[in-house]
PDB file of N, CA and C in Angstrom:
ATOM      1  N   MET A   1     128.555  34.284 181.247  1.00  0.00           N
ATOM      2  CA  MET A   1     129.797  34.604 180.560  1.00  0.00           C
ATOM      3  C   MET A   1     130.785  35.176 181.577  1.00  0.00           C
ATOM      4  N   LYS A   2     131.975  34.651 181.633  1.00  0.00           N
ATOM      5  CA  LYS A   2     132.986  35.066 182.583  1.00  0.00           C
ATOM      6  C   LYS A   2     133.746  36.279 182.063  1.00  0.00           C
ATOM      7  N   ASP A   3     133.922  37.278 182.933  1.00  0.00           N
ATOM      8  CA  ASP A   3     134.676  38.475 182.590  1.00  0.00           C
ATOM      9  C   ASP A   3     136.137  38.232 182.938  1.00  0.00           C
ATOM     10  N   SER A   4     137.039  38.289 181.963  1.00  0.00           N
ATOM     11  CA  SER A   4     138.444  37.969 182.199  1.00  0.00           C
ATOM     12  C   SER A   4     139.315  39.210 182.391  1.00  0.00           C
ATOM     13  N   ARG A   5     138.724  40.350 182.667  1.00  0.00           N
ATOM     14  CA  ARG A   5     139.510  41.564 182.868  1.00  0.00           C
ATOM     15  C   ARG A   5     140.310  41.476 184.154  1.00  0.00           C
ATOM     16  N   ALA A   6     141.446  42.144 184.177  1.00  0.00           N
ATOM     17  CA  ALA A   6     142.313  42.145 185.348  1.00  0.00           C
ATOM     18  C   ALA A   6     141.706  42.926 186.503  1.00  0.00           C
ATOM     19  N   ALA A   7     140.893  43.934 186.212  1.00  0.00           N
ATOM     20  CA  ALA A   7     140.253  44.753 187.250  1.00  0.00           C
ATOM     21  C   ALA A   7     138.849  45.135 186.792  1.00  0.00           C
ATOM     22  N   GLN A   8     137.940  45.261 187.745  1.00  0.00           N
ATOM     23  CA  GLN A   8     136.568  45.624 187.413  1.00  0.00           C
ATOM     24  C   GLN A   8     136.526  47.053 186.878  1.00  0.00           C
ATOM     25  N   ARG A   9     135.794  47.236 185.781  1.00  0.00           N
ATOM     26  CA  ARG A   9     135.667  48.570 185.202  1.00  0.00           C
ATOM     27  C   ARG A   9     134.396  49.239 185.708  1.00  0.00           C
ATOM     28  N   HIS A  10     134.467  50.542 185.792  1.00  0.00           N
ATOM     29  CA  HIS A  10     133.335  51.333 186.256  1.00  0.00           C
ATOM     30  C   HIS A  10     132.899  52.272 185.143  1.00  0.00           C
ATOM     31  N   ARG A  11     131.591  52.373 184.939  1.00  0.00           N
ATOM     32  CA  ARG A  11     131.084  53.281 183.907  1.00  0.00           C
ATOM     33  C   ARG A  11     131.369  54.718 184.306  1.00  0.00           C
ATOM     34  N   VAL A  12     131.865  55.461 183.343  1.00  0.00           N
ATOM     35  CA  VAL A  12     132.125  56.881 183.527  1.00  0.00           C
ATOM     36  C   VAL A  12     131.745  57.590 182.236  1.00  0.00           C
ATOM     37  N   LEU A  13     131.731  58.874 182.281  1.00  0.00           N
ATOM     38  CA  LEU A  13     131.499  59.671 181.079  1.00  0.00           C
ATOM     39  C   LEU A  13     132.385  60.899 181.205  1.00  0.00           C
ATOM     40  N   LYS A  14     133.631  60.763 180.720  1.00  0.00           N
ATOM     41  CA  LYS A  14     134.616  61.827 180.840  1.00  0.00           C
ATOM     42  C   LYS A  14     135.188  62.151 179.475  1.00  0.00           C
ATOM     43  N   VAL A  15     135.513  63.410 179.281  1.00  0.00           N
ATOM     44  CA  VAL A  15     136.182  63.830 178.061  1.00  0.00           C
ATOM     45  C   VAL A  15     137.661  63.532 178.216  1.00  0.00           C
ATOM     46  N   GLY A  16     138.246  62.909 177.207  1.00  0.00           N
ATOM     47  CA  GLY A  16     139.659  62.582 177.243  1.00  0.00           C
ATOM     48  C   GLY A  16     140.363  63.016 175.971  1.00  0.00           C
ATOM     49  N   LEU A  17     141.658  62.859 175.965  1.00  0.00           N
ATOM     50  CA  LEU A  17     142.475  63.124 174.786  1.00  0.00           C
ATOM     51  C   LEU A  17     143.365  61.922 174.528  1.00  0.00           C
ATOM     52  N   ILE A  18     143.372  61.476 173.290  1.00  0.00           N
ATOM     53  CA  ILE A  18     144.288  60.433 172.853  1.00  0.00           C
ATOM     54  C   ILE A  18     145.468  61.153 172.222  1.00  0.00           C
ATOM     55  N   GLU A  19     146.629  61.005 172.849  1.00  0.00           N
ATOM     56  CA  GLU A  19     147.830  61.673 172.371  1.00  0.00           C
ATOM     57  C   GLU A  19     148.727  60.666 171.662  1.00  0.00           C
ATOM     58  N   PHE A  20     149.368  61.126 170.596  1.00  0.00           N
ATOM     59  CA  PHE A  20     150.231  60.279 169.790  1.00  0.00           C
ATOM     60  C   PHE A  20     151.684  60.681 169.957  1.00  0.00           C
ATOM     61  N   SER A  21     152.586  59.751 169.694  1.00  0.00           N
ATOM     62  CA  SER A  21     154.016  60.011 169.860  1.00  0.00           C
ATOM     63  C   SER A  21     154.515  61.134 168.959  1.00  0.00           C
ATOM     64  N   GLY A  22     153.886  61.360 167.842  1.00  0.00           N
ATOM     65  CA  GLY A  22     154.299  62.423 166.928  1.00  0.00           C
ATOM     66  C   GLY A  22     153.844  63.805 167.344  1.00  0.00           C
ATOM     67  N   GLY A  23     153.087  63.902 168.440  1.00  0.00           N
ATOM     68  CA  GLY A  23     152.673  65.212 168.929  1.00  0.00           C
ATOM     69  C   GLY A  23     151.223  65.547 168.681  1.00  0.00           C
ATOM     70  N   GLY A  24     150.486  64.754 167.907  1.00  0.00           N
ATOM     71  CA  GLY A  24     149.083  65.036 167.657  1.00  0.00           C
ATOM     72  C   GLY A  24     148.192  64.498 168.756  1.00  0.00           C
ATOM     73  N   ALA A  25     146.933  64.934 168.761  1.00  0.00           N
ATOM     74  CA  ALA A  25     145.956  64.451 169.741  1.00  0.00           C
ATOM     75  C   ALA A  25     144.563  64.543 169.142  1.00  0.00           C
ATOM     76  N   ILE A  26     143.696  63.610 169.554  1.00  0.00           N
ATOM     77  CA  ILE A  26     142.294  63.669 169.143  1.00  0.00           C
ATOM     78  C   ILE A  26     141.428  63.489 170.390  1.00  0.00           C
ATOM     79  N   PRO A  27     140.246  64.108 170.382  1.00  0.00           N
ATOM     80  CA  PRO A  27     139.360  63.961 171.534  1.00  0.00           C
ATOM     81  C   PRO A  27     138.706  62.581 171.561  1.00  0.00           C
ATOM     82  N   CYS A  28     138.327  62.152 172.760  1.00  0.00           N
ATOM     83  CA  CYS A  28     137.602  60.905 172.931  1.00  0.00           C
ATOM     84  C   CYS A  28     136.679  61.050 174.137  1.00  0.00           C
ATOM     85  N   VAL A  29     135.801  60.074 174.300  1.00  0.00           N
ATOM     86  CA  VAL A  29     134.961  59.997 175.489  1.00  0.00           C
ATOM     87  C   VAL A  29     135.323  58.704 176.203  1.00  0.00           C
ATOM     88  N   VAL A  30     135.682  58.820 177.471  1.00  0.00           N
ATOM     89  CA  VAL A  30     136.011  57.647 178.277  1.00  0.00           C
ATOM     90  C   VAL A  30     134.691  57.080 178.776  1.00  0.00           C
ATOM     91  N   LYS A  31     134.348  55.868 178.341  1.00  0.00           N
ATOM     92  CA  LYS A  31     133.060  55.252 178.666  1.00  0.00           C
ATOM     93  C   LYS A  31     133.123  54.371 179.903  1.00  0.00           C
ATOM     94  N   ASN A  32     134.262  53.690 180.111  1.00  0.00           N
ATOM     95  CA  ASN A  32     134.474  52.968 181.359  1.00  0.00           C
ATOM     96  C   ASN A  32     135.962  52.960 181.663  1.00  0.00           C
ATOM     97  N   LEU A  33     136.264  52.750 182.957  1.00  0.00           N
ATOM     98  CA  LEU A  33     137.622  52.939 183.422  1.00  0.00           C
ATOM     99  C   LEU A  33     137.893  52.000 184.586  1.00  0.00           C
ATOM    100  N   SER A  34     139.107  51.462 184.641  1.00  0.00           N
ATOM    101  CA  SER A  34     139.540  50.645 185.769  1.00  0.00           C
ATOM    102  C   SER A  34     141.005  50.944 186.033  1.00  0.00           C
ATOM    103  N   ALA A  35     141.562  50.246 186.993  1.00  0.00           N
ATOM    104  CA  ALA A  35     142.982  50.412 187.290  1.00  0.00           C
ATOM    105  C   ALA A  35     143.861  49.868 186.168  1.00  0.00           C
ATOM    106  N   SER A  36     143.301  48.994 185.310  1.00  0.00           N
ATOM    107  CA  SER A  36     144.122  48.374 184.269  1.00  0.00           C
ATOM    108  C   SER A  36     143.779  48.779 182.840  1.00  0.00           C
ATOM    109  N   GLY A  37     142.689  49.520 182.615  1.00  0.00           N
ATOM    110  CA  GLY A  37     142.344  49.892 181.248  1.00  0.00           C
ATOM    111  C   GLY A  37     141.089  50.715 181.144  1.00  0.00           C
ATOM    112  N   ALA A  38     140.647  50.931 179.897  1.00  0.00           N
ATOM    113  CA  ALA A  38     139.486  51.778 179.642  1.00  0.00           C
ATOM    114  C   ALA A  38     138.873  51.448 178.290  1.00  0.00           C
ATOM    115  N   ALA A  39     137.606  51.863 178.123  1.00  0.00           N
ATOM    116  CA  ALA A  39     136.949  51.821 176.819  1.00  0.00           C
ATOM    117  C   ALA A  39     136.758  53.265 176.381  1.00  0.00           C
ATOM    118  N   LEU A  40     137.166  53.556 175.157  1.00  0.00           N
ATOM    119  CA  LEU A  40     137.134  54.916 174.644  1.00  0.00           C
ATOM    120  C   LEU A  40     136.270  54.990 173.402  1.00  0.00           C
ATOM    121  N   GLU A  41     135.431  56.015 173.334  1.00  0.00           N
ATOM    122  CA  GLU A  41     134.618  56.252 172.142  1.00  0.00           C
ATOM    123  C   GLU A  41     135.307  57.345 171.338  1.00  0.00           C
ATOM    124  N   VAL A  42     135.455  57.091 170.035  1.00  0.00           N
ATOM    125  CA  VAL A  42     136.145  58.016 169.138  1.00  0.00           C
ATOM    126  C   VAL A  42     135.310  58.215 167.882  1.00  0.00           C
ATOM    127  N   GLU A  43     135.657  59.236 167.114  1.00  0.00           N
ATOM    128  CA  GLU A  43     134.957  59.487 165.853  1.00  0.00           C
ATOM    129  C   GLU A  43     135.160  58.317 164.888  1.00  0.00           C
ATOM    130  N   SER A  44     136.387  57.824 164.805  1.00  0.00           N
ATOM    131  CA  SER A  44     136.716  56.663 163.982  1.00  0.00           C
ATOM    132  C   SER A  44     137.947  55.986 164.574  1.00  0.00           C
ATOM    133  N   ALA A  45     137.887  54.672 164.739  1.00  0.00           N
ATOM    134  CA  ALA A  45     139.000  53.925 165.333  1.00  0.00           C
ATOM    135  C   ALA A  45     140.040  53.493 164.299  1.00  0.00           C
ATOM    136  N   ILE A  46     139.791  53.769 163.038  1.00  0.00           N
ATOM    137  CA  ILE A  46     140.634  53.252 161.960  1.00  0.00           C
ATOM    138  C   ILE A  46     142.082  53.728 162.051  1.00  0.00           C
ATOM    139  N   ASP A  47     142.315  55.015 162.242  1.00  0.00           N
ATOM    140  CA  ASP A  47     143.676  55.556 162.184  1.00  0.00           C
ATOM    141  C   ASP A  47     144.365  55.653 163.543  1.00  0.00           C
ATOM    142  N   ILE A  48     143.789  55.090 164.572  1.00  0.00           N
ATOM    143  CA  ILE A  48     144.400  55.156 165.893  1.00  0.00           C
ATOM    144  C   ILE A  48     145.460  54.065 166.001  1.00  0.00           C
ATOM    145  N   PRO A  49     146.698  54.444 166.349  1.00  0.00           N
ATOM    146  CA  PRO A  49     147.770  53.445 166.434  1.00  0.00           C
ATOM    147  C   PRO A  49     147.578  52.518 167.630  1.00  0.00           C
ATOM    148  N   ASN A  50     148.306  51.412 167.646  1.00  0.00           N
ATOM    149  CA  ASN A  50     148.202  50.438 168.728  1.00  0.00           C
ATOM    150  C   ASN A  50     148.784  50.935 170.040  1.00  0.00           C
ATOM    151  N   ARG A  51     149.640  51.923 169.989  1.00  0.00           N
ATOM    152  CA  ARG A  51     150.216  52.531 171.196  1.00  0.00           C
ATOM    153  C   ARG A  51     149.826  54.004 171.228  1.00  0.00           C
ATOM    154  N   LEU A  52     149.380  54.467 172.392  1.00  0.00           N
ATOM    155  CA  LEU A  52     148.936  55.846 172.539  1.00  0.00           C
ATOM    156  C   LEU A  52     149.055  56.248 173.996  1.00  0.00           C
ATOM    157  N   THR A  53     148.772  57.510 174.271  1.00  0.00           N
ATOM    158  CA  THR A  53     148.727  58.015 175.641  1.00  0.00           C
ATOM    159  C   THR A  53     147.343  58.598 175.872  1.00  0.00           C
ATOM    160  N   LEU A  54     146.724  58.231 176.987  1.00  0.00           N
ATOM    161  CA  LEU A  54     145.406  58.741 177.343  1.00  0.00           C
ATOM    162  C   LEU A  54     145.553  59.806 178.410  1.00  0.00           C
ATOM    163  N   ALA A  55     144.978  60.974 178.154  1.00  0.00           N
ATOM    164  CA  ALA A  55     144.938  62.057 179.133  1.00  0.00           C
ATOM    165  C   ALA A  55     143.474  62.375 179.408  1.00  0.00           C
ATOM    166  N   ILE A  56     143.165  62.637 180.677  1.00  0.00           N
ATOM    167  CA  ILE A  56     141.806  63.029 181.052  1.00  0.00           C
ATOM    168  C   ILE A  56     141.920  64.351 181.818  1.00  0.00           C
ATOM    169  N   PRO A  57     141.925  65.485 181.081  1.00  0.00           N
ATOM    170  CA  PRO A  57     142.046  66.781 181.749  1.00  0.00           C
ATOM    171  C   PRO A  57     140.846  67.014 182.677  1.00  0.00           C
ATOM    172  N   PRO A  58     141.003  67.658 183.779  1.00  0.00           N
ATOM    173  CA  PRO A  58     142.200  68.349 184.268  1.00  0.00           C
ATOM    174  C   PRO A  58     143.103  67.470 185.119  1.00  0.00           C
ATOM    175  N   GLU A  59     142.865  66.158 185.157  1.00  0.00           N
ATOM    176  CA  GLU A  59     143.729  65.267 185.940  1.00  0.00           C
ATOM    177  C   GLU A  59     145.157  65.346 185.398  1.00  0.00           C
ATOM    178  N   PRO A  60     146.151  65.395 186.282  1.00  0.00           N
ATOM    179  CA  PRO A  60     147.542  65.562 185.830  1.00  0.00           C
ATOM    180  C   PRO A  60     148.174  64.271 185.291  1.00  0.00           C
ATOM    181  N   ILE A  61     147.466  63.153 185.391  1.00  0.00           N
ATOM    182  CA  ILE A  61     148.044  61.868 184.996  1.00  0.00           C
ATOM    183  C   ILE A  61     147.811  61.594 183.510  1.00  0.00           C
ATOM    184  N   LYS A  62     148.833  61.026 182.872  1.00  0.00           N
ATOM    185  CA  LYS A  62     148.715  60.540 181.492  1.00  0.00           C
ATOM    186  C   LYS A  62     149.093  59.076 181.519  1.00  0.00           C
ATOM    187  N   TRP A  63     148.264  58.229 180.900  1.00  0.00           N
ATOM    188  CA  TRP A  63     148.490  56.789 180.910  1.00  0.00           C
ATOM    189  C   TRP A  63     148.995  56.307 179.566  1.00  0.00           C
ATOM    190  N   PRO A  64     150.177  55.693 179.501  1.00  0.00           N
ATOM    191  CA  PRO A  64     150.590  55.004 178.284  1.00  0.00           C
ATOM    192  C   PRO A  64     149.652  53.804 178.101  1.00  0.00           C
ATOM    193  N   CYS A  65     149.186  53.570 176.879  1.00  0.00           N
ATOM    194  CA  CYS A  65     148.199  52.516 176.623  1.00  0.00           C
ATOM    195  C   CYS A  65     148.573  51.685 175.411  1.00  0.00           C
ATOM    196  N   ARG A  66     147.979  50.503 175.391  1.00  0.00           N
ATOM    197  CA  ARG A  66     148.057  49.608 174.232  1.00  0.00           C
ATOM    198  C   ARG A  66     146.630  49.219 173.879  1.00  0.00           C
ATOM    199  N   VAL A  67     146.271  49.313 172.608  1.00  0.00           N
ATOM    200  CA  VAL A  67     144.926  48.938 172.155  1.00  0.00           C
ATOM    201  C   VAL A  67     144.813  47.423 172.178  1.00  0.00           C
ATOM    202  N   VAL A  68     143.749  46.907 172.828  1.00  0.00           N
ATOM    203  CA  VAL A  68     143.546  45.460 172.900  1.00  0.00           C
ATOM    204  C   VAL A  68     142.349  45.012 172.072  1.00  0.00           C
ATOM    205  N   TRP A  69     141.444  45.915 171.753  1.00  0.00           N
ATOM    206  CA  TRP A  69     140.363  45.616 170.825  1.00  0.00           C
ATOM    207  C   TRP A  69     139.898  46.921 170.199  1.00  0.00           C
ATOM    208  N   ARG A  70     139.267  46.802 169.028  1.00  0.00           N
ATOM    209  CA  ARG A  70     138.730  47.993 168.377  1.00  0.00           C
ATOM    210  C   ARG A  70     137.467  47.662 167.612  1.00  0.00           C
ATOM    211  N   GLY A  71     136.542  48.589 167.646  1.00  0.00           N
ATOM    212  CA  GLY A  71     135.326  48.532 166.870  1.00  0.00           C
ATOM    213  C   GLY A  71     135.335  49.723 165.925  1.00  0.00           C
ATOM    214  N   GLU A  72     134.203  50.003 165.327  1.00  0.00           N
ATOM    215  CA  GLU A  72     134.135  51.111 164.376  1.00  0.00           C
ATOM    216  C   GLU A  72     134.386  52.457 165.059  1.00  0.00           C
ATOM    217  N   LYS A  73     133.769  52.655 166.243  1.00  0.00           N
ATOM    218  CA  LYS A  73     133.900  53.931 166.937  1.00  0.00           C
ATOM    219  C   LYS A  73     134.313  53.783 168.398  1.00  0.00           C
ATOM    220  N   ARG A  74     134.794  52.599 168.776  1.00  0.00           N
ATOM    221  CA  ARG A  74     135.235  52.372 170.149  1.00  0.00           C
ATOM    222  C   ARG A  74     136.520  51.557 170.150  1.00  0.00           C
ATOM    223  N   ILE A  75     137.356  51.827 171.139  1.00  0.00           N
ATOM    224  CA  ILE A  75     138.549  51.017 171.340  1.00  0.00           C
ATOM    225  C   ILE A  75     138.667  50.667 172.816  1.00  0.00           C
ATOM    226  N   GLY A  76     139.266  49.521 173.072  1.00  0.00           N
ATOM    227  CA  GLY A  76     139.583  49.115 174.429  1.00  0.00           C
ATOM    228  C   GLY A  76     141.082  49.184 174.598  1.00  0.00           C
ATOM    229  N   VAL A  77     141.515  49.798 175.680  1.00  0.00           N
ATOM    230  CA  VAL A  77     142.949  49.934 175.930  1.00  0.00           C
ATOM    231  C   VAL A  77     143.307  49.350 177.289  1.00  0.00           C
ATOM    232  N   THR A  78     144.523  48.871 177.385  1.00  0.00           N
ATOM    233  CA  THR A  78     145.090  48.457 178.647  1.00  0.00           C
ATOM    234  C   THR A  78     146.219  49.413 178.965  1.00  0.00           C
ATOM    235  N   PHE A  79     146.319  49.804 180.230  1.00  0.00           N
ATOM    236  CA  PHE A  79     147.389  50.703 180.631  1.00  0.00           C
ATOM    237  C   PHE A  79     148.681  49.910 180.703  1.00  0.00           C
ATOM    238  N   SER A  80     149.760  50.524 180.233  1.00  0.00           N
ATOM    239  CA  SER A  80     151.039  49.830 180.199  1.00  0.00           C
ATOM    240  C   SER A  80     152.146  50.794 180.579  1.00  0.00           C
ATOM    241  N   SER A  81     153.291  50.222 180.881  1.00  0.00           N
ATOM    242  CA  SER A  81     154.445  51.075 181.128  1.00  0.00           C
ATOM    243  C   SER A  81     155.033  51.442 179.762  1.00  0.00           C
ATOM    244  N   PRO A  82     155.744  52.549 179.683  1.00  0.00           N
ATOM    245  CA  PRO A  82     156.300  52.945 178.381  1.00  0.00           C
ATOM    246  C   PRO A  82     157.256  51.911 177.794  1.00  0.00           C
ATOM    247  N   ASP A  83     157.837  51.045 178.635  1.00  0.00           N
ATOM    248  CA  ASP A  83     158.804  50.054 178.152  1.00  0.00           C
ATOM    249  C   ASP A  83     158.188  48.721 177.756  1.00  0.00           C
ATOM    250  N   SER A  84     156.914  48.470 178.112  1.00  0.00           N
ATOM    251  CA  SER A  84     156.338  47.149 177.851  1.00  0.00           C
ATOM    252  C   SER A  84     156.076  46.940 176.373  1.00  0.00           C
ATOM    253  N   PRO A  85     156.134  45.687 175.912  1.00  0.00           N
ATOM    254  CA  PRO A  85     155.969  45.387 174.481  1.00  0.00           C
ATOM    255  C   PRO A  85     154.553  45.561 174.005  1.00  0.00           C
TER     256      PRO A  85
END
């Protein structure tokens, strides 16, 4: 099976925060990470919007993201610029 990802992902186990435009945030676990995206484990993927910001404290970087797939308790995101569709 061919992997069509833009960049190879590496397994990690980091605590992250999914931040929303309205000011709320929920915790997540970053399961894998690459230069172009990540897989996040959450309590429930149902109410997570298609656009979000991923923060991995204490790193100072926050990544604007777009959800590209979702399961019951996991989502896959691609990093995007704030202006991209």
